[in-house]
Amino acid sequence: MAVSPSLLAADFTRLATEIGDMTTAGADLFHLDVMDGHFVPNLTFGPFIVAAIRRCTELLLDTHLMMTRPDRYISAFAEAGADALTIHVESACDVAETLAAIGELGLRRGLSLNPDMPIESVQPYLGTVDLVLVMSVPPGFGGQSFDVAALDKMRRLVAWRDASRLDFAISVDGGVNDETAPGCRDAGADILVSGSHLFAAPDRAGAISRLRGTG
């Protein structure tokens, strides 16, 4: 079980320190939320900030592109130092071609879906991805409540993965905390993305251990 702090919840006035603290606390990788102000109503950061984050850590950077046309920017994020690029099945690009292009750049290929999308929407692409990110809140803002429908989506992904002998990780993002993490683990999640819960914790190492189920 891997825990991925979502840096959108970090204090950006001391970002290097926040990254170092989370690394010491036991983070396995970092989740970067890139929002374009069109696909979602919020606007965050681009390749320049990803490059700055890259200089602060050797941990894997899972970059979640909440963008209408992520295909136009994958090269820039690859050059910035992202290790994985996750696009949305709802985006306006050709999903299959964009996933292939991400792979050709040597990056891990991720695919995400919003809470209102049926899990069947990602099924055609499961043989070509390294990660499926299940959104358990509407994307765009942190600190929202967990949608329990995500649990069934994860269970179905596990069933498809096992039946077809595929090799992709299942990640869940949104409202992941001490109360919701056990259900996610039981449903088959491999990666728990957590932002507000982890960065607000007085004991971050303990918070990460509890999400893993080892604390």
N, C-alpha and C. Protein backbone atom coordinates (compact mmCIF):
# COMPACT_ATOMS: atom_id res chain seq x y z
N MET A 1 0.84 -1.19 0.00
CA MET A 1 0.00 0.00 0.00
C MET A 1 0.88 1.24 0.00
N ALA A 2 0.73 2.09 -1.01
CA ALA A 2 1.51 3.31 -1.12
C ALA A 2 0.64 4.51 -0.75
N VAL A 3 1.27 5.49 -0.13
CA VAL A 3 0.58 6.73 0.23
C VAL A 3 1.22 7.88 -0.54
N SER A 4 0.37 8.66 -1.20
CA SER A 4 0.82 9.74 -2.07
C SER A 4 0.24 11.07 -1.59
N PRO A 5 1.01 11.88 -0.86
CA PRO A 5 0.51 13.19 -0.45
C PRO A 5 0.24 14.08 -1.67
N SER A 6 -0.90 14.74 -1.65
CA SER A 6 -1.27 15.65 -2.73
C SER A 6 -0.73 17.04 -2.40
N LEU A 7 0.22 17.50 -3.18
CA LEU A 7 0.91 18.73 -2.85
C LEU A 7 0.05 19.97 -2.99
N LEU A 8 -1.13 19.85 -3.57
CA LEU A 8 -2.02 21.00 -3.65
C LEU A 8 -2.39 21.50 -2.26
N ALA A 9 -2.33 20.60 -1.26
CA ALA A 9 -2.68 20.97 0.11
C ALA A 9 -1.49 21.48 0.91
N ALA A 10 -0.31 21.50 0.31
CA ALA A 10 0.88 21.95 1.02
C ALA A 10 0.91 23.47 1.15
N ASP A 11 1.76 23.95 2.04
CA ASP A 11 2.02 25.38 2.18
C ASP A 11 3.06 25.75 1.12
N PHE A 12 2.63 26.43 0.07
CA PHE A 12 3.53 26.73 -1.04
C PHE A 12 4.56 27.80 -0.71
N THR A 13 4.42 28.48 0.43
CA THR A 13 5.46 29.43 0.83
C THR A 13 6.67 28.71 1.41
N ARG A 14 6.51 27.43 1.72
CA ARG A 14 7.62 26.62 2.23
C ARG A 14 7.55 25.22 1.63
N LEU A 15 7.42 25.19 0.32
CA LEU A 15 7.15 23.93 -0.37
C LEU A 15 8.28 22.92 -0.22
N ALA A 16 9.52 23.37 -0.32
CA ALA A 16 10.64 22.43 -0.19
C ALA A 16 10.64 21.77 1.18
N THR A 17 10.33 22.55 2.21
CA THR A 17 10.27 22.00 3.57
C THR A 17 9.13 21.01 3.70
N GLU A 18 7.99 21.35 3.13
CA GLU A 18 6.83 20.46 3.18
C GLU A 18 7.14 19.12 2.50
N ILE A 19 7.79 19.18 1.36
CA ILE A 19 8.16 17.96 0.64
C ILE A 19 9.14 17.13 1.47
N GLY A 20 10.12 17.79 2.06
CA GLY A 20 11.08 17.09 2.90
C GLY A 20 10.43 16.45 4.11
N ASP A 21 9.52 17.17 4.75
CA ASP A 21 8.83 16.64 5.93
C ASP A 21 8.00 15.40 5.57
N MET A 22 7.28 15.46 4.45
CA MET A 22 6.46 14.33 4.04
C MET A 22 7.32 13.13 3.63
N THR A 23 8.46 13.40 3.04
CA THR A 23 9.37 12.31 2.69
C THR A 23 9.88 11.62 3.95
N THR A 24 10.28 12.40 4.93
CA THR A 24 10.73 11.85 6.20
C THR A 24 9.62 11.08 6.90
N ALA A 25 8.39 11.55 6.75
CA ALA A 25 7.24 10.91 7.39
C ALA A 25 6.87 9.58 6.73
N GLY A 26 7.41 9.32 5.54
CA GLY A 26 7.17 8.02 4.91
C GLY A 26 6.40 8.04 3.62
N ALA A 27 6.24 9.20 3.00
CA ALA A 27 5.53 9.25 1.71
C ALA A 27 6.24 8.37 0.69
N ASP A 28 5.45 7.71 -0.15
CA ASP A 28 6.01 6.84 -1.18
C ASP A 28 6.21 7.56 -2.51
N LEU A 29 5.37 8.53 -2.79
CA LEU A 29 5.41 9.32 -4.02
C LEU A 29 4.61 10.59 -3.75
N PHE A 30 4.61 11.51 -4.70
CA PHE A 30 3.84 12.74 -4.56
C PHE A 30 2.86 12.88 -5.72
N HIS A 31 1.68 13.42 -5.39
CA HIS A 31 0.61 13.63 -6.36
C HIS A 31 0.54 15.12 -6.67
N LEU A 32 0.63 15.46 -7.95
CA LEU A 32 0.60 16.87 -8.38
C LEU A 32 -0.65 17.12 -9.19
N ASP A 33 -1.48 18.03 -8.73
CA ASP A 33 -2.74 18.34 -9.39
C ASP A 33 -2.57 19.55 -10.31
N VAL A 34 -2.60 19.29 -11.60
CA VAL A 34 -2.49 20.35 -12.61
C VAL A 34 -3.89 20.63 -13.14
N MET A 35 -4.37 21.86 -12.96
CA MET A 35 -5.72 22.24 -13.38
C MET A 35 -5.64 23.44 -14.31
N ASP A 36 -6.41 23.37 -15.39
CA ASP A 36 -6.28 24.39 -16.44
C ASP A 36 -7.33 25.50 -16.39
N GLY A 37 -8.26 25.44 -15.44
CA GLY A 37 -9.31 26.45 -15.37
C GLY A 37 -10.42 26.26 -16.37
N HIS A 38 -10.35 25.20 -17.18
CA HIS A 38 -11.37 24.89 -18.18
C HIS A 38 -12.00 23.52 -17.90
N PHE A 39 -11.17 22.50 -17.82
CA PHE A 39 -11.67 21.16 -17.51
C PHE A 39 -12.28 21.13 -16.11
N VAL A 40 -11.65 21.87 -15.21
CA VAL A 40 -12.17 22.09 -13.86
C VAL A 40 -12.13 23.59 -13.61
N PRO A 41 -12.93 24.09 -12.66
CA PRO A 41 -13.00 25.55 -12.47
C PRO A 41 -11.78 26.16 -11.82
N ASN A 42 -10.94 25.36 -11.21
CA ASN A 42 -9.78 25.89 -10.52
C ASN A 42 -8.56 25.95 -11.45
N LEU A 43 -7.57 26.74 -11.07
CA LEU A 43 -6.34 26.90 -11.83
C LEU A 43 -5.18 26.75 -10.85
N THR A 44 -4.24 25.85 -11.16
CA THR A 44 -3.15 25.61 -10.21
C THR A 44 -1.80 25.98 -10.80
N PHE A 45 -1.04 25.02 -11.29
CA PHE A 45 0.32 25.31 -11.74
C PHE A 45 0.66 24.49 -12.97
N GLY A 46 1.80 24.86 -13.58
CA GLY A 46 2.22 24.19 -14.81
C GLY A 46 3.60 23.58 -14.70
N PRO A 47 4.25 23.34 -15.84
CA PRO A 47 5.55 22.66 -15.85
C PRO A 47 6.63 23.35 -15.03
N PHE A 48 6.60 24.68 -14.95
CA PHE A 48 7.63 25.40 -14.20
C PHE A 48 7.65 24.98 -12.74
N ILE A 49 6.48 24.86 -12.12
CA ILE A 49 6.40 24.44 -10.72
C ILE A 49 6.75 22.97 -10.58
N VAL A 50 6.32 22.15 -11.54
CA VAL A 50 6.69 20.73 -11.50
C VAL A 50 8.21 20.59 -11.53
N ALA A 51 8.88 21.39 -12.34
CA ALA A 51 10.34 21.35 -12.39
C ALA A 51 10.96 21.75 -11.06
N ALA A 52 10.37 22.74 -10.38
CA ALA A 52 10.86 23.15 -9.07
C ALA A 52 10.67 22.03 -8.05
N ILE A 53 9.51 21.37 -8.10
CA ILE A 53 9.25 20.24 -7.20
C ILE A 53 10.24 19.11 -7.47
N ARG A 54 10.53 18.88 -8.75
CA ARG A 54 11.48 17.83 -9.11
C ARG A 54 12.84 18.05 -8.45
N ARG A 55 13.25 19.30 -8.32
CA ARG A 55 14.54 19.60 -7.71
C ARG A 55 14.53 19.36 -6.20
N CYS A 56 13.33 19.20 -5.62
CA CYS A 56 13.20 19.04 -4.17
C CYS A 56 13.11 17.58 -3.73
N THR A 57 12.91 16.66 -4.66
CA THR A 57 12.67 15.27 -4.26
C THR A 57 13.08 14.29 -5.35
N GLU A 58 13.46 13.10 -4.90
CA GLU A 58 13.74 12.01 -5.83
C GLU A 58 12.56 11.04 -5.91
N LEU A 59 11.52 11.28 -5.11
CA LEU A 59 10.35 10.41 -5.15
C LEU A 59 9.60 10.58 -6.46
N LEU A 60 8.85 9.56 -6.82
CA LEU A 60 8.07 9.59 -8.05
C LEU A 60 7.05 10.72 -8.01
N LEU A 61 6.94 11.44 -9.11
CA LEU A 61 5.97 12.52 -9.24
C LEU A 61 4.85 12.07 -10.16
N ASP A 62 3.69 11.81 -9.58
CA ASP A 62 2.51 11.40 -10.33
C ASP A 62 1.72 12.67 -10.64
N THR A 63 1.74 13.07 -11.89
CA THR A 63 1.18 14.36 -12.29
C THR A 63 -0.18 14.16 -12.94
N HIS A 64 -1.20 14.66 -12.28
CA HIS A 64 -2.60 14.45 -12.65
C HIS A 64 -3.05 15.66 -13.49
N LEU A 65 -3.22 15.43 -14.78
CA LEU A 65 -3.55 16.52 -15.70
C LEU A 65 -5.06 16.67 -15.84
N MET A 66 -5.63 17.54 -15.03
CA MET A 66 -7.05 17.87 -15.13
C MET A 66 -7.18 18.99 -16.15
N MET A 67 -7.09 18.60 -17.42
CA MET A 67 -7.00 19.54 -18.52
C MET A 67 -7.89 19.09 -19.67
N THR A 68 -8.42 20.06 -20.40
CA THR A 68 -9.23 19.74 -21.56
C THR A 68 -8.40 19.11 -22.67
N ARG A 69 -7.19 19.62 -22.89
CA ARG A 69 -6.30 19.10 -23.94
C ARG A 69 -4.92 18.76 -23.36
N PRO A 70 -4.84 17.72 -22.57
CA PRO A 70 -3.54 17.36 -21.99
C PRO A 70 -2.51 16.96 -23.03
N ASP A 71 -2.97 16.50 -24.19
CA ASP A 71 -2.04 16.06 -25.24
C ASP A 71 -1.10 17.18 -25.68
N ARG A 72 -1.52 18.42 -25.51
CA ARG A 72 -0.70 19.55 -25.95
C ARG A 72 0.45 19.86 -24.99
N TYR A 73 0.43 19.25 -23.81
CA TYR A 73 1.39 19.62 -22.78
C TYR A 73 2.22 18.47 -22.23
N ILE A 74 2.01 17.26 -22.74
CA ILE A 74 2.70 16.12 -22.13
C ILE A 74 4.22 16.22 -22.28
N SER A 75 4.70 16.74 -23.39
CA SER A 75 6.14 16.88 -23.57
C SER A 75 6.72 17.86 -22.56
N ALA A 76 6.02 18.95 -22.31
CA ALA A 76 6.50 19.95 -21.36
C ALA A 76 6.57 19.38 -19.96
N PHE A 77 5.58 18.60 -19.57
CA PHE A 77 5.61 18.02 -18.22
C PHE A 77 6.65 16.91 -18.12
N ALA A 78 6.87 16.19 -19.20
CA ALA A 78 7.94 15.19 -19.21
C ALA A 78 9.29 15.86 -19.02
N GLU A 79 9.53 16.95 -19.73
CA GLU A 79 10.79 17.68 -19.62
C GLU A 79 10.95 18.29 -18.22
N ALA A 80 9.84 18.61 -17.57
CA ALA A 80 9.89 19.19 -16.23
C ALA A 80 10.26 18.18 -15.16
N GLY A 81 10.16 16.89 -15.49
CA GLY A 81 10.57 15.87 -14.53
C GLY A 81 9.47 15.00 -13.99
N ALA A 82 8.27 15.08 -14.55
CA ALA A 82 7.19 14.19 -14.11
C ALA A 82 7.57 12.75 -14.45
N ASP A 83 7.19 11.82 -13.57
CA ASP A 83 7.44 10.40 -13.80
C ASP A 83 6.22 9.70 -14.37
N ALA A 84 5.05 10.20 -14.03
CA ALA A 84 3.79 9.62 -14.51
C ALA A 84 2.86 10.76 -14.88
N LEU A 85 2.13 10.58 -15.97
CA LEU A 85 1.13 11.56 -16.38
C LEU A 85 -0.22 10.86 -16.45
N THR A 86 -1.17 11.38 -15.70
CA THR A 86 -2.52 10.83 -15.67
C THR A 86 -3.46 11.79 -16.36
N ILE A 87 -4.14 11.32 -17.40
CA ILE A 87 -5.11 12.13 -18.12
C ILE A 87 -6.52 11.63 -17.79
N HIS A 88 -7.52 12.41 -18.16
CA HIS A 88 -8.91 12.03 -17.90
C HIS A 88 -9.55 11.42 -19.13
N VAL A 89 -10.35 10.39 -18.89
CA VAL A 89 -11.08 9.77 -19.99
C VAL A 89 -12.08 10.75 -20.59
N GLU A 90 -12.48 11.77 -19.83
CA GLU A 90 -13.44 12.77 -20.31
C GLU A 90 -12.78 13.89 -21.11
N SER A 91 -11.47 13.92 -21.18
CA SER A 91 -10.79 15.03 -21.85
C SER A 91 -11.08 15.03 -23.35
N ALA A 92 -10.77 16.15 -24.00
CA ALA A 92 -11.12 16.34 -25.41
C ALA A 92 -10.07 15.79 -26.37
N CYS A 93 -9.04 15.15 -25.85
CA CYS A 93 -8.01 14.59 -26.72
C CYS A 93 -8.38 13.16 -27.12
N ASP A 94 -7.61 12.59 -28.04
CA ASP A 94 -7.74 11.17 -28.36
C ASP A 94 -7.03 10.41 -27.24
N VAL A 95 -7.80 9.75 -26.40
CA VAL A 95 -7.24 9.13 -25.19
C VAL A 95 -6.20 8.08 -25.54
N ALA A 96 -6.50 7.21 -26.47
CA ALA A 96 -5.56 6.14 -26.83
C ALA A 96 -4.25 6.71 -27.36
N GLU A 97 -4.34 7.70 -28.24
CA GLU A 97 -3.13 8.30 -28.81
C GLU A 97 -2.32 9.02 -27.74
N THR A 98 -3.00 9.70 -26.82
CA THR A 98 -2.29 10.44 -25.79
C THR A 98 -1.60 9.50 -24.82
N LEU A 99 -2.26 8.41 -24.44
CA LEU A 99 -1.62 7.42 -23.58
C LEU A 99 -0.39 6.83 -24.26
N ALA A 100 -0.51 6.55 -25.55
CA ALA A 100 0.64 6.01 -26.29
C ALA A 100 1.79 7.01 -26.32
N ALA A 101 1.47 8.29 -26.50
CA ALA A 101 2.51 9.32 -26.54
C ALA A 101 3.20 9.45 -25.19
N ILE A 102 2.45 9.33 -24.11
CA ILE A 102 3.04 9.38 -22.78
C ILE A 102 4.02 8.22 -22.61
N GLY A 103 3.62 7.04 -23.04
CA GLY A 103 4.50 5.89 -22.95
C GLY A 103 5.75 6.04 -23.78
N GLU A 104 5.62 6.64 -24.95
CA GLU A 104 6.78 6.85 -25.82
C GLU A 104 7.79 7.80 -25.20
N LEU A 105 7.33 8.66 -24.31
CA LEU A 105 8.23 9.58 -23.61
C LEU A 105 8.92 8.90 -22.43
N GLY A 106 8.58 7.64 -22.18
CA GLY A 106 9.19 6.90 -21.09
C GLY A 106 8.53 7.12 -19.75
N LEU A 107 7.32 7.68 -19.75
CA LEU A 107 6.61 7.95 -18.51
C LEU A 107 5.53 6.90 -18.27
N ARG A 108 5.12 6.77 -17.03
CA ARG A 108 4.01 5.89 -16.69
C ARG A 108 2.71 6.53 -17.16
N ARG A 109 1.84 5.69 -17.68
CA ARG A 109 0.59 6.16 -18.29
C ARG A 109 -0.57 5.98 -17.30
N GLY A 110 -1.21 7.09 -16.96
CA GLY A 110 -2.35 7.02 -16.04
C GLY A 110 -3.63 7.49 -16.70
N LEU A 111 -4.74 6.92 -16.25
CA LEU A 111 -6.06 7.31 -16.75
C LEU A 111 -6.99 7.48 -15.57
N SER A 112 -7.73 8.59 -15.56
CA SER A 112 -8.63 8.89 -14.46
C SER A 112 -10.05 9.09 -14.97
N LEU A 113 -11.00 8.97 -14.04
CA LEU A 113 -12.39 9.26 -14.37
C LEU A 113 -13.05 9.97 -13.20
N ASN A 114 -13.96 10.88 -13.53
CA ASN A 114 -14.69 11.64 -12.52
C ASN A 114 -15.76 10.78 -11.86
N PRO A 115 -16.26 11.20 -10.69
CA PRO A 115 -17.25 10.39 -9.97
C PRO A 115 -18.52 10.10 -10.76
N ASP A 116 -18.90 10.99 -11.67
CA ASP A 116 -20.15 10.78 -12.40
C ASP A 116 -19.97 9.92 -13.66
N MET A 117 -18.77 9.45 -13.91
CA MET A 117 -18.52 8.61 -15.08
C MET A 117 -18.60 7.14 -14.71
N PRO A 118 -19.22 6.31 -15.55
CA PRO A 118 -19.25 4.87 -15.27
C PRO A 118 -17.86 4.26 -15.42
N ILE A 119 -17.58 3.26 -14.62
CA ILE A 119 -16.26 2.64 -14.66
C ILE A 119 -16.00 1.99 -16.02
N GLU A 120 -17.06 1.64 -16.74
CA GLU A 120 -16.89 1.05 -18.07
C GLU A 120 -16.18 1.99 -19.04
N SER A 121 -16.17 3.29 -18.75
CA SER A 121 -15.55 4.25 -19.66
C SER A 121 -14.04 4.05 -19.77
N VAL A 122 -13.42 3.47 -18.75
CA VAL A 122 -11.97 3.26 -18.82
C VAL A 122 -11.61 1.85 -19.28
N GLN A 123 -12.58 0.96 -19.34
CA GLN A 123 -12.28 -0.44 -19.63
C GLN A 123 -11.54 -0.67 -20.94
N PRO A 124 -11.88 0.06 -22.03
CA PRO A 124 -11.17 -0.19 -23.29
C PRO A 124 -9.67 0.10 -23.25
N TYR A 125 -9.23 0.86 -22.25
CA TYR A 125 -7.84 1.30 -22.20
C TYR A 125 -6.99 0.56 -21.17
N LEU A 126 -7.58 -0.38 -20.45
CA LEU A 126 -6.89 -0.99 -19.31
C LEU A 126 -5.64 -1.76 -19.71
N GLY A 127 -5.58 -2.23 -20.94
CA GLY A 127 -4.39 -2.93 -21.39
C GLY A 127 -3.24 -2.03 -21.76
N THR A 128 -3.47 -0.71 -21.73
CA THR A 128 -2.44 0.23 -22.16
C THR A 128 -2.09 1.26 -21.09
N VAL A 129 -2.48 1.00 -19.84
CA VAL A 129 -2.19 1.95 -18.77
C VAL A 129 -1.38 1.28 -17.66
N ASP A 130 -0.68 2.12 -16.91
CA ASP A 130 0.06 1.67 -15.73
C ASP A 130 -0.68 2.01 -14.45
N LEU A 131 -1.67 2.89 -14.55
CA LEU A 131 -2.38 3.39 -13.38
C LEU A 131 -3.79 3.80 -13.76
N VAL A 132 -4.75 3.46 -12.91
CA VAL A 132 -6.10 4.01 -13.03
C VAL A 132 -6.39 4.79 -11.76
N LEU A 133 -6.72 6.05 -11.91
CA LEU A 133 -7.01 6.93 -10.78
C LEU A 133 -8.52 7.12 -10.67
N VAL A 134 -9.08 6.60 -9.59
CA VAL A 134 -10.52 6.73 -9.33
C VAL A 134 -10.74 7.99 -8.50
N MET A 135 -11.49 8.94 -9.05
CA MET A 135 -11.81 10.15 -8.30
C MET A 135 -13.00 9.87 -7.39
N SER A 136 -12.80 10.11 -6.11
CA SER A 136 -13.86 9.90 -5.13
C SER A 136 -14.48 11.21 -4.67
N VAL A 137 -14.10 12.30 -5.32
CA VAL A 137 -14.75 13.61 -5.17
C VAL A 137 -14.74 14.27 -6.55
N PRO A 138 -15.64 15.23 -6.80
CA PRO A 138 -15.54 15.99 -8.05
C PRO A 138 -14.20 16.72 -8.09
N PRO A 139 -13.48 16.68 -9.20
CA PRO A 139 -12.15 17.29 -9.24
C PRO A 139 -12.21 18.81 -9.25
N GLY A 140 -11.12 19.40 -8.77
CA GLY A 140 -11.00 20.85 -8.84
C GLY A 140 -10.63 21.52 -7.54
N PHE A 141 -11.06 20.96 -6.41
CA PHE A 141 -10.78 21.56 -5.12
C PHE A 141 -10.50 20.46 -4.10
N GLY A 142 -9.65 20.76 -3.11
CA GLY A 142 -9.35 19.81 -2.06
C GLY A 142 -10.34 19.89 -0.92
N GLY A 143 -10.22 18.95 0.02
CA GLY A 143 -11.01 18.99 1.25
C GLY A 143 -12.45 18.58 1.11
N GLN A 144 -12.81 17.81 0.08
CA GLN A 144 -14.20 17.40 -0.12
C GLN A 144 -14.47 16.03 0.49
N SER A 145 -15.76 15.67 0.60
CA SER A 145 -16.16 14.41 1.22
C SER A 145 -16.08 13.26 0.23
N PHE A 146 -15.76 12.09 0.74
CA PHE A 146 -15.56 10.87 -0.04
C PHE A 146 -16.88 10.32 -0.57
N ASP A 147 -16.90 9.97 -1.87
CA ASP A 147 -18.06 9.35 -2.51
C ASP A 147 -17.87 7.84 -2.47
N VAL A 148 -18.74 7.15 -1.71
CA VAL A 148 -18.57 5.71 -1.51
C VAL A 148 -18.74 4.91 -2.80
N ALA A 149 -19.31 5.49 -3.85
CA ALA A 149 -19.43 4.78 -5.12
C ALA A 149 -18.06 4.42 -5.69
N ALA A 150 -17.02 5.13 -5.25
CA ALA A 150 -15.67 4.82 -5.71
C ALA A 150 -15.24 3.42 -5.29
N LEU A 151 -15.77 2.93 -4.19
CA LEU A 151 -15.37 1.60 -3.71
C LEU A 151 -15.76 0.51 -4.69
N ASP A 152 -16.98 0.59 -5.21
CA ASP A 152 -17.41 -0.42 -6.18
C ASP A 152 -16.60 -0.32 -7.46
N LYS A 153 -16.25 0.90 -7.86
CA LYS A 153 -15.42 1.06 -9.06
C LYS A 153 -14.08 0.37 -8.88
N MET A 154 -13.49 0.50 -7.69
CA MET A 154 -12.20 -0.14 -7.45
C MET A 154 -12.34 -1.66 -7.45
N ARG A 155 -13.40 -2.16 -6.86
CA ARG A 155 -13.62 -3.61 -6.86
C ARG A 155 -13.74 -4.15 -8.28
N ARG A 156 -14.42 -3.42 -9.13
CA ARG A 156 -14.59 -3.87 -10.51
C ARG A 156 -13.27 -3.80 -11.27
N LEU A 157 -12.47 -2.80 -10.99
CA LEU A 157 -11.15 -2.72 -11.61
C LEU A 157 -10.29 -3.91 -11.22
N VAL A 158 -10.33 -4.27 -9.94
CA VAL A 158 -9.58 -5.44 -9.47
C VAL A 158 -10.04 -6.69 -10.21
N ALA A 159 -11.35 -6.85 -10.35
CA ALA A 159 -11.89 -8.03 -11.03
C ALA A 159 -11.44 -8.08 -12.48
N TRP A 160 -11.50 -6.96 -13.18
CA TRP A 160 -11.06 -6.92 -14.58
C TRP A 160 -9.57 -7.19 -14.68
N ARG A 161 -8.81 -6.59 -13.78
CA ARG A 161 -7.35 -6.79 -13.80
C ARG A 161 -6.99 -8.26 -13.61
N ASP A 162 -7.64 -8.88 -12.65
CA ASP A 162 -7.35 -10.29 -12.37
C ASP A 162 -7.81 -11.19 -13.52
N ALA A 163 -9.00 -10.91 -14.04
CA ALA A 163 -9.56 -11.77 -15.09
C ALA A 163 -8.73 -11.71 -16.37
N SER A 164 -8.18 -10.54 -16.66
CA SER A 164 -7.41 -10.37 -17.90
C SER A 164 -5.90 -10.41 -17.68
N ARG A 165 -5.50 -10.65 -16.43
CA ARG A 165 -4.08 -10.71 -16.08
C ARG A 165 -3.34 -9.46 -16.52
N LEU A 166 -3.93 -8.32 -16.19
CA LEU A 166 -3.33 -7.03 -16.53
C LEU A 166 -2.46 -6.55 -15.37
N ASP A 167 -1.70 -5.52 -15.63
CA ASP A 167 -0.75 -5.02 -14.63
C ASP A 167 -0.84 -3.50 -14.53
N PHE A 168 -1.84 -3.02 -13.83
CA PHE A 168 -1.96 -1.59 -13.57
C PHE A 168 -2.28 -1.38 -12.10
N ALA A 169 -1.82 -0.27 -11.57
CA ALA A 169 -2.11 0.08 -10.19
C ALA A 169 -3.44 0.82 -10.11
N ILE A 170 -4.10 0.68 -8.97
CA ILE A 170 -5.36 1.37 -8.72
C ILE A 170 -5.12 2.42 -7.64
N SER A 171 -5.40 3.66 -7.99
CA SER A 171 -5.22 4.78 -7.08
C SER A 171 -6.57 5.44 -6.83
N VAL A 172 -6.73 6.02 -5.64
CA VAL A 172 -7.97 6.72 -5.31
C VAL A 172 -7.62 8.08 -4.72
N ASP A 173 -8.38 9.08 -5.12
CA ASP A 173 -8.07 10.46 -4.75
C ASP A 173 -9.36 11.19 -4.39
N GLY A 174 -9.38 11.76 -3.19
CA GLY A 174 -10.51 12.59 -2.77
C GLY A 174 -11.13 12.13 -1.47
N GLY A 175 -10.98 12.92 -0.42
CA GLY A 175 -11.59 12.58 0.86
C GLY A 175 -10.99 11.37 1.54
N VAL A 176 -9.74 11.06 1.22
CA VAL A 176 -9.09 9.89 1.83
C VAL A 176 -8.53 10.29 3.19
N ASN A 177 -9.00 9.62 4.23
CA ASN A 177 -8.58 9.91 5.60
C ASN A 177 -8.65 8.64 6.44
N ASP A 178 -8.52 8.78 7.75
CA ASP A 178 -8.53 7.60 8.62
C ASP A 178 -9.83 6.82 8.53
N GLU A 179 -10.94 7.51 8.29
CA GLU A 179 -12.24 6.84 8.24
C GLU A 179 -12.47 6.13 6.91
N THR A 180 -12.00 6.70 5.81
CA THR A 180 -12.30 6.14 4.49
C THR A 180 -11.21 5.22 3.96
N ALA A 181 -10.00 5.32 4.49
CA ALA A 181 -8.89 4.51 3.98
C ALA A 181 -9.12 3.01 4.13
N PRO A 182 -9.65 2.51 5.26
CA PRO A 182 -9.85 1.05 5.36
C PRO A 182 -10.74 0.49 4.25
N GLY A 183 -11.80 1.20 3.91
CA GLY A 183 -12.66 0.75 2.82
C GLY A 183 -11.94 0.73 1.49
N CYS A 184 -11.07 1.72 1.28
CA CYS A 184 -10.29 1.77 0.04
C CYS A 184 -9.31 0.60 -0.04
N ARG A 185 -8.66 0.33 1.07
CA ARG A 185 -7.73 -0.81 1.08
C ARG A 185 -8.48 -2.10 0.81
N ASP A 186 -9.62 -2.28 1.46
CA ASP A 186 -10.41 -3.51 1.27
C ASP A 186 -10.91 -3.64 -0.16
N ALA A 187 -11.19 -2.50 -0.81
CA ALA A 187 -11.71 -2.53 -2.18
C ALA A 187 -10.63 -2.80 -3.22
N GLY A 188 -9.35 -2.74 -2.80
CA GLY A 188 -8.27 -3.08 -3.71
C GLY A 188 -7.37 -1.95 -4.14
N ALA A 189 -7.48 -0.79 -3.49
CA ALA A 189 -6.60 0.32 -3.86
C ALA A 189 -5.15 -0.03 -3.59
N ASP A 190 -4.28 0.37 -4.50
CA ASP A 190 -2.83 0.21 -4.33
C ASP A 190 -2.17 1.50 -3.85
N ILE A 191 -2.78 2.63 -4.20
CA ILE A 191 -2.23 3.94 -3.86
C ILE A 191 -3.35 4.80 -3.27
N LEU A 192 -3.09 5.39 -2.12
CA LEU A 192 -4.03 6.32 -1.50
C LEU A 192 -3.48 7.73 -1.63
N VAL A 193 -4.20 8.58 -2.34
CA VAL A 193 -3.83 9.99 -2.47
C VAL A 193 -4.56 10.77 -1.38
N SER A 194 -3.82 11.56 -0.63
CA SER A 194 -4.44 12.32 0.46
C SER A 194 -3.76 13.67 0.56
N GLY A 195 -4.55 14.72 0.66
CA GLY A 195 -4.00 16.06 0.72
C GLY A 195 -4.22 16.74 2.05
N SER A 196 -5.40 17.32 2.23
CA SER A 196 -5.71 18.09 3.43
C SER A 196 -5.50 17.27 4.70
N HIS A 197 -5.91 16.02 4.67
CA HIS A 197 -5.79 15.16 5.85
C HIS A 197 -4.34 15.02 6.29
N LEU A 198 -3.44 14.81 5.35
CA LEU A 198 -2.03 14.60 5.71
C LEU A 198 -1.34 15.90 6.10
N PHE A 199 -1.56 16.95 5.34
CA PHE A 199 -0.83 18.18 5.60
C PHE A 199 -1.33 18.90 6.85
N ALA A 200 -2.54 18.59 7.30
CA ALA A 200 -3.05 19.19 8.54
C ALA A 200 -2.70 18.35 9.76
N ALA A 201 -2.14 17.17 9.55
CA ALA A 201 -1.88 16.26 10.67
C ALA A 201 -0.70 16.74 11.50
N PRO A 202 -0.85 16.80 12.83
CA PRO A 202 0.29 17.17 13.67
C PRO A 202 1.40 16.12 13.65
N ASP A 203 1.00 14.85 13.46
CA ASP A 203 1.95 13.75 13.36
C ASP A 203 1.80 13.13 11.97
N ARG A 204 2.58 13.61 11.03
CA ARG A 204 2.42 13.17 9.65
C ARG A 204 2.85 11.72 9.45
N ALA A 205 3.88 11.30 10.15
CA ALA A 205 4.31 9.90 10.04
C ALA A 205 3.21 8.97 10.54
N GLY A 206 2.58 9.34 11.65
CA GLY A 206 1.48 8.54 12.17
C GLY A 206 0.30 8.53 11.22
N ALA A 207 0.02 9.67 10.61
CA ALA A 207 -1.10 9.76 9.67
C ALA A 207 -0.86 8.87 8.45
N ILE A 208 0.36 8.86 7.94
CA ILE A 208 0.67 8.00 6.80
C ILE A 208 0.56 6.53 7.19
N SER A 209 1.06 6.18 8.37
CA SER A 209 0.96 4.79 8.83
C SER A 209 -0.48 4.34 8.97
N ARG A 210 -1.32 5.22 9.48
CA ARG A 210 -2.74 4.85 9.65
C ARG A 210 -3.41 4.66 8.29
N LEU A 211 -3.08 5.48 7.32
CA LEU A 211 -3.66 5.29 5.99
C LEU A 211 -3.25 3.93 5.42
N ARG A 212 -2.01 3.55 5.66
CA ARG A 212 -1.53 2.26 5.17
C ARG A 212 -2.18 1.08 5.92
N GLY A 213 -2.68 1.38 7.12
CA GLY A 213 -3.22 0.31 7.95
C GLY A 213 -2.18 -0.33 8.83
N THR A 214 -1.05 0.37 9.00
CA THR A 214 0.03 -0.17 9.83
C THR A 214 0.23 0.63 11.11
N GLY A 215 -0.57 1.68 11.29
CA GLY A 215 -0.39 2.54 12.45
C GLY A 215 -1.44 2.32 13.53
